[in-house]
Amino acid sequence: MDERLVELVLRAVDLIPPGRVATYGDLGRIVGIGPRQVGAVMSRYGDGVTWWRVTNASGGFAPDLLERARPHWLEEGILVRTSGGGCRIEEHRADLERLAADWRDAVADLAPPEE
């Protein structure tokens, strides 16, 4: 996997504030890739970042990841839906405009992609 792409995604994840979440699609739009590519980066390299702040479009995870995310969500005040299937994304989604602006600043030091 392209190291630059990995770094672009992981820097975006690092910028999601505590108590907030963003979806794979949100991050994909910021980075300029698809949500599945974000998911691929997260599945291979996401353990070193705040992965529990990156959810699917409905605010959830696969069941095994959801159980791992719950303690982090509790600590950060991220509320779980009454169904228990994920977070209340409408209440906890990060300010995406701010996240995108912060991300642009955070990746300014990376070399542009080779053509």
PDB file of N, CA and C in Angstrom:
ATOM      1  N   MET A   1       0.842  -1.174   0.000  1.00  0.00           N
ATOM      2  CA  MET A   1       0.000   0.000   0.000  1.00  0.00           C
ATOM      3  C   MET A   1       0.892   1.244   0.000  1.00  0.00           C
ATOM      4  N   ASP A   2       0.470   2.263  -0.695  1.00  0.00           N
ATOM      5  CA  ASP A   2       1.221   3.503  -0.828  1.00  0.00           C
ATOM      6  C   ASP A   2       1.407   4.181   0.530  1.00  0.00           C
ATOM      7  N   GLU A   3       2.669   4.384   0.925  1.00  0.00           N
ATOM      8  CA  GLU A   3       2.982   4.954   2.242  1.00  0.00           C
ATOM      9  C   GLU A   3       2.414   6.355   2.418  1.00  0.00           C
ATOM     10  N   ARG A   4       2.425   7.126   1.338  1.00  0.00           N
ATOM     11  CA  ARG A   4       1.894   8.494   1.421  1.00  0.00           C
ATOM     12  C   ARG A   4       0.400   8.458   1.703  1.00  0.00           C
ATOM     13  N   LEU A   5      -0.313   7.592   1.032  1.00  0.00           N
ATOM     14  CA  LEU A   5      -1.752   7.467   1.245  1.00  0.00           C
ATOM     15  C   LEU A   5      -2.042   7.055   2.687  1.00  0.00           C
ATOM     16  N   VAL A   6      -1.290   6.112   3.190  1.00  0.00           N
ATOM     17  CA  VAL A   6      -1.450   5.684   4.583  1.00  0.00           C
ATOM     18  C   VAL A   6      -1.269   6.876   5.509  1.00  0.00           C
ATOM     19  N   GLU A   7      -0.234   7.639   5.285  1.00  0.00           N
ATOM     20  CA  GLU A   7       0.042   8.807   6.133  1.00  0.00           C
ATOM     21  C   GLU A   7      -1.069   9.843   6.025  1.00  0.00           C
ATOM     22  N   LEU A   8      -1.597  10.069   4.842  1.00  0.00           N
ATOM     23  CA  LEU A   8      -2.696  11.027   4.663  1.00  0.00           C
ATOM     24  C   LEU A   8      -3.918  10.623   5.484  1.00  0.00           C
ATOM     25  N   VAL A   9      -4.262   9.355   5.435  1.00  0.00           N
ATOM     26  CA  VAL A   9      -5.427   8.862   6.182  1.00  0.00           C
ATOM     27  C   VAL A   9      -5.168   8.914   7.678  1.00  0.00           C
ATOM     28  N   LEU A  10      -4.025   8.434   8.121  1.00  0.00           N
ATOM     29  CA  LEU A  10      -3.756   8.389   9.558  1.00  0.00           C
ATOM     30  C   LEU A  10      -3.671   9.778  10.170  1.00  0.00           C
ATOM     31  N   ARG A  11      -3.173  10.742   9.422  1.00  0.00           N
ATOM     32  CA  ARG A  11      -3.156  12.114   9.943  1.00  0.00           C
ATOM     33  C   ARG A  11      -4.574  12.647  10.094  1.00  0.00           C
ATOM     34  N   ALA A  12      -5.448  12.303   9.169  1.00  0.00           N
ATOM     35  CA  ALA A  12      -6.850  12.730   9.284  1.00  0.00           C
ATOM     36  C   ALA A  12      -7.486  12.125  10.529  1.00  0.00           C
ATOM     37  N   VAL A  13      -7.244  10.852  10.766  1.00  0.00           N
ATOM     38  CA  VAL A  13      -7.793  10.181  11.946  1.00  0.00           C
ATOM     39  C   VAL A  13      -7.290  10.850  13.219  1.00  0.00           C
ATOM     40  N   ASP A  14      -6.017  11.161  13.266  1.00  0.00           N
ATOM     41  CA  ASP A  14      -5.429  11.795  14.449  1.00  0.00           C
ATOM     42  C   ASP A  14      -6.064  13.147  14.771  1.00  0.00           C
ATOM     43  N   LEU A  15      -6.660  13.777  13.790  1.00  0.00           N
ATOM     44  CA  LEU A  15      -7.243  15.108  13.981  1.00  0.00           C
ATOM     45  C   LEU A  15      -8.700  15.088  14.455  1.00  0.00           C
ATOM     46  N   ILE A  16      -9.324  13.925  14.464  1.00  0.00           N
ATOM     47  CA  ILE A  16     -10.703  13.850  14.952  1.00  0.00           C
ATOM     48  C   ILE A  16     -10.661  14.094  16.459  1.00  0.00           C
ATOM     49  N   PRO A  17     -11.375  15.111  16.931  1.00  0.00           N
ATOM     50  CA  PRO A  17     -11.297  15.442  18.365  1.00  0.00           C
ATOM     51  C   PRO A  17     -11.903  14.360  19.259  1.00  0.00           C
ATOM     52  N   PRO A  18     -11.442  14.264  20.487  1.00  0.00           N
ATOM     53  CA  PRO A  18     -12.063  13.340  21.449  1.00  0.00           C
ATOM     54  C   PRO A  18     -13.562  13.635  21.555  1.00  0.00           C
ATOM     55  N   GLY A  19     -14.344  12.575  21.649  1.00  0.00           N
ATOM     56  CA  GLY A  19     -15.789  12.719  21.759  1.00  0.00           C
ATOM     57  C   GLY A  19     -16.489  12.907  20.428  1.00  0.00           C
ATOM     58  N   ARG A  20     -15.742  12.858  19.354  1.00  0.00           N
ATOM     59  CA  ARG A  20     -16.300  13.035  18.006  1.00  0.00           C
ATOM     60  C   ARG A  20     -15.931  11.841  17.147  1.00  0.00           C
ATOM     61  N   VAL A  21     -16.699  11.636  16.082  1.00  0.00           N
ATOM     62  CA  VAL A  21     -16.420  10.567  15.138  1.00  0.00           C
ATOM     63  C   VAL A  21     -16.521  11.110  13.717  1.00  0.00           C
ATOM     64  N   ALA A  22     -15.947  10.374  12.801  1.00  0.00           N
ATOM     65  CA  ALA A  22     -16.086  10.625  11.368  1.00  0.00           C
ATOM     66  C   ALA A  22     -16.235   9.260  10.711  1.00  0.00           C
ATOM     67  N   THR A  23     -16.906   9.232   9.591  1.00  0.00           N
ATOM     68  CA  THR A  23     -17.098   7.964   8.889  1.00  0.00           C
ATOM     69  C   THR A  23     -15.952   7.735   7.898  1.00  0.00           C
ATOM     70  N   TYR A  24     -15.870   6.504   7.432  1.00  0.00           N
ATOM     71  CA  TYR A  24     -14.892   6.189   6.390  1.00  0.00           C
ATOM     72  C   TYR A  24     -15.117   7.099   5.186  1.00  0.00           C
ATOM     73  N   GLY A  25     -16.380   7.331   4.850  1.00  0.00           N
ATOM     74  CA  GLY A  25     -16.709   8.217   3.731  1.00  0.00           C
ATOM     75  C   GLY A  25     -16.312   9.652   3.982  1.00  0.00           C
ATOM     76  N   ASP A  26     -16.535  10.142   5.213  1.00  0.00           N
ATOM     77  CA  ASP A  26     -16.115  11.505   5.558  1.00  0.00           C
ATOM     78  C   ASP A  26     -14.622  11.673   5.326  1.00  0.00           C
ATOM     79  N   LEU A  27     -13.841  10.727   5.847  1.00  0.00           N
ATOM     80  CA  LEU A  27     -12.391  10.808   5.699  1.00  0.00           C
ATOM     81  C   LEU A  27     -11.977  10.648   4.242  1.00  0.00           C
ATOM     82  N   GLY A  28     -12.669   9.777   3.525  1.00  0.00           N
ATOM     83  CA  GLY A  28     -12.372   9.600   2.106  1.00  0.00           C
ATOM     84  C   GLY A  28     -12.560  10.890   1.326  1.00  0.00           C
ATOM     85  N   ARG A  29     -13.643  11.621   1.624  1.00  0.00           N
ATOM     86  CA  ARG A  29     -13.872  12.892   0.934  1.00  0.00           C
ATOM     87  C   ARG A  29     -12.779  13.900   1.281  1.00  0.00           C
ATOM     88  N   ILE A  30     -12.338  13.913   2.499  1.00  0.00           N
ATOM     89  CA  ILE A  30     -11.277  14.838   2.904  1.00  0.00           C
ATOM     90  C   ILE A  30      -9.959  14.484   2.216  1.00  0.00           C
ATOM     91  N   VAL A  31      -9.612  13.212   2.216  1.00  0.00           N
ATOM     92  CA  VAL A  31      -8.325  12.760   1.665  1.00  0.00           C
ATOM     93  C   VAL A  31      -8.356  12.667   0.143  1.00  0.00           C
ATOM     94  N   GLY A  32      -9.547  12.463  -0.430  1.00  0.00           N
ATOM     95  CA  GLY A  32      -9.665  12.342  -1.880  1.00  0.00           C
ATOM     96  C   GLY A  32      -9.622  10.915  -2.375  1.00  0.00           C
ATOM     97  N   ILE A  33     -10.111   9.984  -1.541  1.00  0.00           N
ATOM     98  CA  ILE A  33     -10.167   8.566  -1.905  1.00  0.00           C
ATOM     99  C   ILE A  33     -11.529   8.016  -1.504  1.00  0.00           C
ATOM    100  N   GLY A  34     -11.772   6.769  -1.829  1.00  0.00           N
ATOM    101  CA  GLY A  34     -13.038   6.146  -1.468  1.00  0.00           C
ATOM    102  C   GLY A  34     -13.046   5.603  -0.048  1.00  0.00           C
ATOM    103  N   PRO A  35     -14.229   5.400   0.505  1.00  0.00           N
ATOM    104  CA  PRO A  35     -14.327   4.878   1.867  1.00  0.00           C
ATOM    105  C   PRO A  35     -13.702   3.501   2.038  1.00  0.00           C
ATOM    106  N   ARG A  36     -13.733   2.685   1.006  1.00  0.00           N
ATOM    107  CA  ARG A  36     -13.112   1.357   1.122  1.00  0.00           C
ATOM    108  C   ARG A  36     -11.597   1.448   1.233  1.00  0.00           C
ATOM    109  N   GLN A  37     -11.027   2.438   0.565  1.00  0.00           N
ATOM    110  CA  GLN A  37      -9.583   2.642   0.699  1.00  0.00           C
ATOM    111  C   GLN A  37      -9.248   3.091   2.120  1.00  0.00           C
ATOM    112  N   VAL A  38     -10.082   3.965   2.685  1.00  0.00           N
ATOM    113  CA  VAL A  38      -9.877   4.373   4.076  1.00  0.00           C
ATOM    114  C   VAL A  38      -9.959   3.143   4.968  1.00  0.00           C
ATOM    115  N   GLY A  39     -10.956   2.306   4.741  1.00  0.00           N
ATOM    116  CA  GLY A  39     -11.108   1.087   5.522  1.00  0.00           C
ATOM    117  C   GLY A  39      -9.911   0.166   5.398  1.00  0.00           C
ATOM    118  N   ALA A  40      -9.355   0.065   4.199  1.00  0.00           N
ATOM    119  CA  ALA A  40      -8.168  -0.783   4.000  1.00  0.00           C
ATOM    120  C   ALA A  40      -6.980  -0.244   4.791  1.00  0.00           C
ATOM    121  N   VAL A  41      -6.800   1.062   4.769  1.00  0.00           N
ATOM    122  CA  VAL A  41      -5.709   1.658   5.551  1.00  0.00           C
ATOM    123  C   VAL A  41      -5.941   1.385   7.029  1.00  0.00           C
ATOM    124  N   MET A  42      -7.162   1.615   7.497  1.00  0.00           N
ATOM    125  CA  MET A  42      -7.453   1.435   8.914  1.00  0.00           C
ATOM    126  C   MET A  42      -7.271  -0.020   9.346  1.00  0.00           C
ATOM    127  N   SER A  43      -7.666  -0.951   8.498  1.00  0.00           N
ATOM    128  CA  SER A  43      -7.552  -2.360   8.888  1.00  0.00           C
ATOM    129  C   SER A  43      -6.100  -2.802   9.004  1.00  0.00           C
ATOM    130  N   ARG A  44      -5.217  -2.209   8.212  1.00  0.00           N
ATOM    131  CA  ARG A  44      -3.802  -2.606   8.236  1.00  0.00           C
ATOM    132  C   ARG A  44      -2.944  -1.757   9.168  1.00  0.00           C
ATOM    133  N   TYR A  45      -3.295  -0.472   9.301  1.00  0.00           N
ATOM    134  CA  TYR A  45      -2.400   0.451  10.003  1.00  0.00           C
ATOM    135  C   TYR A  45      -3.084   1.253  11.110  1.00  0.00           C
ATOM    136  N   GLY A  46      -4.341   0.999  11.369  1.00  0.00           N
ATOM    137  CA  GLY A  46      -5.108   1.839  12.272  1.00  0.00           C
ATOM    138  C   GLY A  46      -4.912   1.611  13.756  1.00  0.00           C
ATOM    139  N   ASP A  47      -4.231   0.547  14.146  1.00  0.00           N
ATOM    140  CA  ASP A  47      -4.082   0.276  15.582  1.00  0.00           C
ATOM    141  C   ASP A  47      -3.323   1.363  16.332  1.00  0.00           C
ATOM    142  N   GLY A  48      -2.495   2.123  15.660  1.00  0.00           N
ATOM    143  CA  GLY A  48      -1.697   3.142  16.324  1.00  0.00           C
ATOM    144  C   GLY A  48      -2.362   4.501  16.424  1.00  0.00           C
ATOM    145  N   VAL A  49      -3.584   4.613  15.935  1.00  0.00           N
ATOM    146  CA  VAL A  49      -4.317   5.880  15.993  1.00  0.00           C
ATOM    147  C   VAL A  49      -5.654   5.649  16.690  1.00  0.00           C
ATOM    148  N   THR A  50      -6.431   6.701  16.818  1.00  0.00           N
ATOM    149  CA  THR A  50      -7.719   6.632  17.512  1.00  0.00           C
ATOM    150  C   THR A  50      -8.794   6.042  16.582  1.00  0.00           C
ATOM    151  N   TRP A  51      -8.625   4.792  16.243  1.00  0.00           N
ATOM    152  CA  TRP A  51      -9.474   4.081  15.286  1.00  0.00           C
ATOM    153  C   TRP A  51     -10.945   4.083  15.695  1.00  0.00           C
ATOM    154  N   TRP A  52     -11.244   4.135  16.984  1.00  0.00           N
ATOM    155  CA  TRP A  52     -12.627   4.081  17.455  1.00  0.00           C
ATOM    156  C   TRP A  52     -13.410   5.340  17.089  1.00  0.00           C
ATOM    157  N   ARG A  53     -12.725   6.338  16.582  1.00  0.00           N
ATOM    158  CA  ARG A  53     -13.395   7.558  16.127  1.00  0.00           C
ATOM    159  C   ARG A  53     -13.757   7.508  14.654  1.00  0.00           C
ATOM    160  N   VAL A  54     -13.505   6.378  14.000  1.00  0.00           N
ATOM    161  CA  VAL A  54     -13.824   6.210  12.578  1.00  0.00           C
ATOM    162  C   VAL A  54     -14.828   5.072  12.455  1.00  0.00           C
ATOM    163  N   THR A  55     -16.044   5.406  12.017  1.00  0.00           N
ATOM    164  CA  THR A  55     -17.130   4.432  11.967  1.00  0.00           C
ATOM    165  C   THR A  55     -17.641   4.237  10.545  1.00  0.00           C
ATOM    166  N   ASN A  56     -18.555   3.287  10.416  1.00  0.00           N
ATOM    167  CA  ASN A  56     -19.244   3.160   9.137  1.00  0.00           C
ATOM    168  C   ASN A  56     -20.281   4.280   9.033  1.00  0.00           C
ATOM    169  N   ALA A  57     -21.012   4.315   7.946  1.00  0.00           N
ATOM    170  CA  ALA A  57     -21.942   5.417   7.676  1.00  0.00           C
ATOM    171  C   ALA A  57     -23.046   5.559   8.715  1.00  0.00           C
ATOM    172  N   SER A  58     -23.375   4.495   9.403  1.00  0.00           N
ATOM    173  CA  SER A  58     -24.443   4.566  10.406  1.00  0.00           C
ATOM    174  C   SER A  58     -23.899   4.748  11.824  1.00  0.00           C
ATOM    175  N   GLY A  59     -22.593   4.905  11.961  1.00  0.00           N
ATOM    176  CA  GLY A  59     -22.003   5.114  13.278  1.00  0.00           C
ATOM    177  C   GLY A  59     -21.593   3.846  13.987  1.00  0.00           C
ATOM    178  N   GLY A  60     -21.519   2.758  13.253  1.00  0.00           N
ATOM    179  CA  GLY A  60     -21.215   1.480  13.885  1.00  0.00           C
ATOM    180  C   GLY A  60     -19.934   0.840  13.404  1.00  0.00           C
ATOM    181  N   PHE A  61     -19.725  -0.353  13.932  1.00  0.00           N
ATOM    182  CA  PHE A  61     -18.573  -1.190  13.606  1.00  0.00           C
ATOM    183  C   PHE A  61     -19.059  -2.624  13.459  1.00  0.00           C
ATOM    184  N   ALA A  62     -18.181  -3.471  12.976  1.00  0.00           N
ATOM    185  CA  ALA A  62     -18.418  -4.910  13.073  1.00  0.00           C
ATOM    186  C   ALA A  62     -18.486  -5.245  14.561  1.00  0.00           C
ATOM    187  N   PRO A  63     -19.243  -6.276  14.953  1.00  0.00           N
ATOM    188  CA  PRO A  63     -19.443  -6.571  16.385  1.00  0.00           C
ATOM    189  C   PRO A  63     -18.160  -6.683  17.208  1.00  0.00           C
ATOM    190  N   ASP A  64     -17.120  -7.296  16.680  1.00  0.00           N
ATOM    191  CA  ASP A  64     -15.887  -7.432  17.463  1.00  0.00           C
ATOM    192  C   ASP A  64     -15.230  -6.082  17.718  1.00  0.00           C
ATOM    193  N   LEU A  65     -15.253  -5.197  16.733  1.00  0.00           N
ATOM    194  CA  LEU A  65     -14.679  -3.871  16.923  1.00  0.00           C
ATOM    195  C   LEU A  65     -15.550  -3.006  17.827  1.00  0.00           C
ATOM    196  N   LEU A  66     -16.845  -3.188  17.747  1.00  0.00           N
ATOM    197  CA  LEU A  66     -17.746  -2.414  18.598  1.00  0.00           C
ATOM    198  C   LEU A  66     -17.448  -2.659  20.068  1.00  0.00           C
ATOM    199  N   GLU A  67     -17.207  -3.899  20.424  1.00  0.00           N
ATOM    200  CA  GLU A  67     -16.886  -4.207  21.819  1.00  0.00           C
ATOM    201  C   GLU A  67     -15.562  -3.573  22.242  1.00  0.00           C
ATOM    202  N   ARG A  68     -14.610  -3.513  21.322  1.00  0.00           N
ATOM    203  CA  ARG A  68     -13.326  -2.861  21.631  1.00  0.00           C
ATOM    204  C   ARG A  68     -13.465  -1.350  21.699  1.00  0.00           C
ATOM    205  N   ALA A  69     -14.406  -0.786  20.933  1.00  0.00           N
ATOM    206  CA  ALA A  69     -14.597   0.670  20.894  1.00  0.00           C
ATOM    207  C   ALA A  69     -15.349   1.195  22.109  1.00  0.00           C
ATOM    208  N   ARG A  70     -16.256   0.404  22.654  1.00  0.00           N
ATOM    209  CA  ARG A  70     -17.122   0.883  23.745  1.00  0.00           C
ATOM    210  C   ARG A  70     -16.378   1.533  24.910  1.00  0.00           C
ATOM    211  N   PRO A  71     -15.302   0.950  25.435  1.00  0.00           N
ATOM    212  CA  PRO A  71     -14.610   1.624  26.547  1.00  0.00           C
ATOM    213  C   PRO A  71     -14.060   3.002  26.162  1.00  0.00           C
ATOM    214  N   HIS A  72     -13.576   3.127  24.936  1.00  0.00           N
ATOM    215  CA  HIS A  72     -13.074   4.422  24.459  1.00  0.00           C
ATOM    216  C   HIS A  72     -14.220   5.417  24.351  1.00  0.00           C
ATOM    217  N   TRP A  73     -15.343   4.955  23.800  1.00  0.00           N
ATOM    218  CA  TRP A  73     -16.502   5.836  23.665  1.00  0.00           C
ATOM    219  C   TRP A  73     -16.990   6.290  25.033  1.00  0.00           C
ATOM    220  N   LEU A  74     -17.041   5.378  25.976  1.00  0.00           N
ATOM    221  CA  LEU A  74     -17.481   5.720  27.326  1.00  0.00           C
ATOM    222  C   LEU A  74     -16.561   6.787  27.918  1.00  0.00           C
ATOM    223  N   GLU A  75     -15.267   6.589  27.778  1.00  0.00           N
ATOM    224  CA  GLU A  75     -14.289   7.547  28.297  1.00  0.00           C
ATOM    225  C   GLU A  75     -14.435   8.919  27.655  1.00  0.00           C
ATOM    226  N   GLU A  76     -14.775   8.958  26.355  1.00  0.00           N
ATOM    227  CA  GLU A  76     -14.870  10.213  25.624  1.00  0.00           C
ATOM    228  C   GLU A  76     -16.275  10.799  25.604  1.00  0.00           C
ATOM    229  N   GLY A  77     -17.248  10.085  26.181  1.00  0.00           N
ATOM    230  CA  GLY A  77     -18.614  10.598  26.206  1.00  0.00           C
ATOM    231  C   GLY A  77     -19.380  10.408  24.910  1.00  0.00           C
ATOM    232  N   ILE A  78     -18.947   9.474  24.087  1.00  0.00           N
ATOM    233  CA  ILE A  78     -19.661   9.160  22.847  1.00  0.00           C
ATOM    234  C   ILE A  78     -20.796   8.215  23.201  1.00  0.00           C
ATOM    235  N   LEU A  79     -22.016   8.650  22.941  1.00  0.00           N
ATOM    236  CA  LEU A  79     -23.192   7.886  23.326  1.00  0.00           C
ATOM    237  C   LEU A  79     -23.497   6.771  22.346  1.00  0.00           C
ATOM    238  N   VAL A  80     -23.867   5.639  22.880  1.00  0.00           N
ATOM    239  CA  VAL A  80     -24.248   4.480  22.078  1.00  0.00           C
ATOM    240  C   VAL A  80     -25.744   4.567  21.789  1.00  0.00           C
ATOM    241  N   ARG A  81     -26.141   4.214  20.586  1.00  0.00           N
ATOM    242  CA  ARG A  81     -27.570   4.181  20.231  1.00  0.00           C
ATOM    243  C   ARG A  81     -28.302   3.222  21.157  1.00  0.00           C
ATOM    244  N   THR A  82     -29.572   3.477  21.366  1.00  0.00           N
ATOM    245  CA  THR A  82     -30.363   2.612  22.244  1.00  0.00           C
ATOM    246  C   THR A  82     -30.378   1.176  21.738  1.00  0.00           C
ATOM    247  N   SER A  83     -30.241   0.995  20.429  1.00  0.00           N
ATOM    248  CA  SER A  83     -30.189  -0.361  19.868  1.00  0.00           C
ATOM    249  C   SER A  83     -28.869  -1.048  20.209  1.00  0.00           C
ATOM    250  N   GLY A  84     -27.879  -0.261  20.634  1.00  0.00           N
ATOM    251  CA  GLY A  84     -26.573  -0.820  20.981  1.00  0.00           C
ATOM    252  C   GLY A  84     -25.677  -1.098  19.797  1.00  0.00           C
ATOM    253  N   GLY A  85     -26.118  -0.776  18.588  1.00  0.00           N
ATOM    254  CA  GLY A  85     -25.366  -1.136  17.395  1.00  0.00           C
ATOM    255  C   GLY A  85     -24.311  -0.158  16.947  1.00  0.00           C
ATOM    256  N   GLY A  86     -24.126   0.914  17.655  1.00  0.00           N
ATOM    257  CA  GLY A  86     -23.137   1.901  17.256  1.00  0.00           C
ATOM    258  C   GLY A  86     -23.359   3.185  18.022  1.00  0.00           C
ATOM    259  N   CYS A  87     -22.674   4.234  17.602  1.00  0.00           N
ATOM    260  CA  CYS A  87     -22.813   5.504  18.301  1.00  0.00           C
ATOM    261  C   CYS A  87     -23.916   6.339  17.675  1.00  0.00           C
ATOM    262  N   ARG A  88     -24.303   7.348  18.378  1.00  0.00           N
ATOM    263  CA  ARG A  88     -25.291   8.313  17.872  1.00  0.00           C
ATOM    264  C   ARG A  88     -24.543   9.315  17.000  1.00  0.00           C
ATOM    265  N   ILE A  89     -24.306   8.902  15.774  1.00  0.00           N
ATOM    266  CA  ILE A  89     -23.427   9.671  14.892  1.00  0.00           C
ATOM    267  C   ILE A  89     -23.941  11.082  14.667  1.00  0.00           C
ATOM    268  N   GLU A  90     -25.246  11.264  14.618  1.00  0.00           N
ATOM    269  CA  GLU A  90     -25.791  12.600  14.395  1.00  0.00           C
ATOM    270  C   GLU A  90     -25.432  13.560  15.533  1.00  0.00           C
ATOM    271  N   GLU A  91     -25.141  13.028  16.699  1.00  0.00           N
ATOM    272  CA  GLU A  91     -24.761  13.857  17.848  1.00  0.00           C
ATOM    273  C   GLU A  91     -23.246  13.992  18.003  1.00  0.00           C
ATOM    274  N   HIS A  92     -22.502  13.095  17.398  1.00  0.00           N
ATOM    275  CA  HIS A  92     -21.060  13.057  17.658  1.00  0.00           C
ATOM    276  C   HIS A  92     -20.182  13.239  16.427  1.00  0.00           C
ATOM    277  N   ARG A  93     -20.783  13.500  15.273  1.00  0.00           N
ATOM    278  CA  ARG A  93     -19.961  13.663  14.070  1.00  0.00           C
ATOM    279  C   ARG A  93     -19.090  14.910  14.223  1.00  0.00           C
ATOM    280  N   ALA A  94     -17.844  14.780  13.844  1.00  0.00           N
ATOM    281  CA  ALA A  94     -16.898  15.894  13.898  1.00  0.00           C
ATOM    282  C   ALA A  94     -17.339  17.000  12.943  1.00  0.00           C
ATOM    283  N   ASP A  95     -16.896  18.202  13.203  1.00  0.00           N
ATOM    284  CA  ASP A  95     -17.097  19.328  12.287  1.00  0.00           C
ATOM    285  C   ASP A  95     -16.208  19.050  11.074  1.00  0.00           C
ATOM    286  N   LEU A  96     -16.818  18.609   9.999  1.00  0.00           N
ATOM    287  CA  LEU A  96     -16.038  18.132   8.850  1.00  0.00           C
ATOM    288  C   LEU A  96     -15.309  19.251   8.126  1.00  0.00           C
ATOM    289  N   GLU A  97     -15.864  20.449   8.104  1.00  0.00           N
ATOM    290  CA  GLU A  97     -15.152  21.563   7.478  1.00  0.00           C
ATOM    291  C   GLU A  97     -13.886  21.889   8.262  1.00  0.00           C
ATOM    292  N   ARG A  98     -14.004  21.909   9.560  1.00  0.00           N
ATOM    293  CA  ARG A  98     -12.846  22.176  10.420  1.00  0.00           C
ATOM    294  C   ARG A  98     -11.811  21.054  10.289  1.00  0.00           C
ATOM    295  N   LEU A  99     -12.301  19.810  10.282  1.00  0.00           N
ATOM    296  CA  LEU A  99     -11.403  18.662  10.137  1.00  0.00           C
ATOM    297  C   LEU A  99     -10.635  18.743   8.823  1.00  0.00           C
ATOM    298  N   ALA A 100     -11.322  19.094   7.739  1.00  0.00           N
ATOM    299  CA  ALA A 100     -10.664  19.202   6.432  1.00  0.00           C
ATOM    300  C   ALA A 100      -9.611  20.306   6.440  1.00  0.00           C
ATOM    301  N   ALA A 101      -9.925  21.449   7.047  1.00  0.00           N
ATOM    302  CA  ALA A 101      -8.965  22.554   7.107  1.00  0.00           C
ATOM    303  C   ALA A 101      -7.754  22.165   7.947  1.00  0.00           C
ATOM    304  N   ASP A 102      -7.997  21.537   9.087  1.00  0.00           N
ATOM    305  CA  ASP A 102      -6.892  21.092   9.946  1.00  0.00           C
ATOM    306  C   ASP A 102      -6.035  20.057   9.230  1.00  0.00           C
ATOM    307  N   TRP A 103      -6.689  19.168   8.478  1.00  0.00           N
ATOM    308  CA  TRP A 103      -5.963  18.128   7.749  1.00  0.00           C
ATOM    309  C   TRP A 103      -5.067  18.744   6.672  1.00  0.00           C
ATOM    310  N   ARG A 104      -5.585  19.723   5.951  1.00  0.00           N
ATOM    311  CA  ARG A 104      -4.760  20.373   4.914  1.00  0.00           C
ATOM    312  C   ARG A 104      -3.491  20.958   5.532  1.00  0.00           C
ATOM    313  N   ASP A 105      -3.635  21.578   6.690  1.00  0.00           N
ATOM    314  CA  ASP A 105      -2.454  22.107   7.385  1.00  0.00           C
ATOM    315  C   ASP A 105      -1.515  20.980   7.823  1.00  0.00           C
ATOM    316  N   ALA A 106      -2.104  19.894   8.307  1.00  0.00           N
ATOM    317  CA  ALA A 106      -1.310  18.783   8.859  1.00  0.00           C
ATOM    318  C   ALA A 106      -0.542  18.004   7.794  1.00  0.00           C
ATOM    319  N   VAL A 107      -0.986  18.062   6.549  1.00  0.00           N
ATOM    320  CA  VAL A 107      -0.305  17.301   5.491  1.00  0.00           C
ATOM    321  C   VAL A 107       0.503  18.203   4.550  1.00  0.00           C
ATOM    322  N   ALA A 108       0.596  19.465   4.890  1.00  0.00           N
ATOM    323  CA  ALA A 108       1.307  20.409   4.020  1.00  0.00           C
ATOM    324  C   ALA A 108       2.773  20.030   3.827  1.00  0.00           C
ATOM    325  N   ASP A 109       3.338  19.303   4.782  1.00  0.00           N
ATOM    326  CA  ASP A 109       4.749  18.911   4.691  1.00  0.00           C
ATOM    327  C   ASP A 109       4.988  17.688   3.822  1.00  0.00           C
ATOM    328  N   LEU A 110       3.933  17.004   3.414  1.00  0.00           N
ATOM    329  CA  LEU A 110       4.106  15.786   2.594  1.00  0.00           C
ATOM    330  C   LEU A 110       4.311  16.175   1.127  1.00  0.00           C
ATOM    331  N   ALA A 111       5.188  15.470   0.501  1.00  0.00           N
ATOM    332  CA  ALA A 111       5.451  15.716  -0.918  1.00  0.00           C
ATOM    333  C   ALA A 111       4.212  15.378  -1.737  1.00  0.00           C
ATOM    334  N   PRO A 112       3.955  16.124  -2.799  1.00  0.00           N
ATOM    335  CA  PRO A 112       2.831  15.784  -3.665  1.00  0.00           C
ATOM    336  C   PRO A 112       3.038  14.410  -4.302  1.00  0.00           C
ATOM    337  N   PRO A 113       1.950  13.772  -4.715  1.00  0.00           N
ATOM    338  CA  PRO A 113       2.101  12.440  -5.330  1.00  0.00           C
ATOM    339  C   PRO A 113       2.907  12.505  -6.615  1.00  0.00           C
ATOM    340  N   GLU A 114       3.636  11.445  -6.872  1.00  0.00           N
ATOM    341  CA  GLU A 114       4.419  11.358  -8.104  1.00  0.00           C
ATOM    342  C   GLU A 114       3.475  11.094  -9.258  1.00  0.00           C
ATOM    343  N   GLU A 115       3.766  11.703 -10.400  1.00  0.00           N
ATOM    344  CA  GLU A 115       2.905  11.499 -11.576  1.00  0.00           C
ATOM    345  C   GLU A 115       3.549  10.598 -12.565  1.00  0.00           C
TER     346      GLU A 115
END
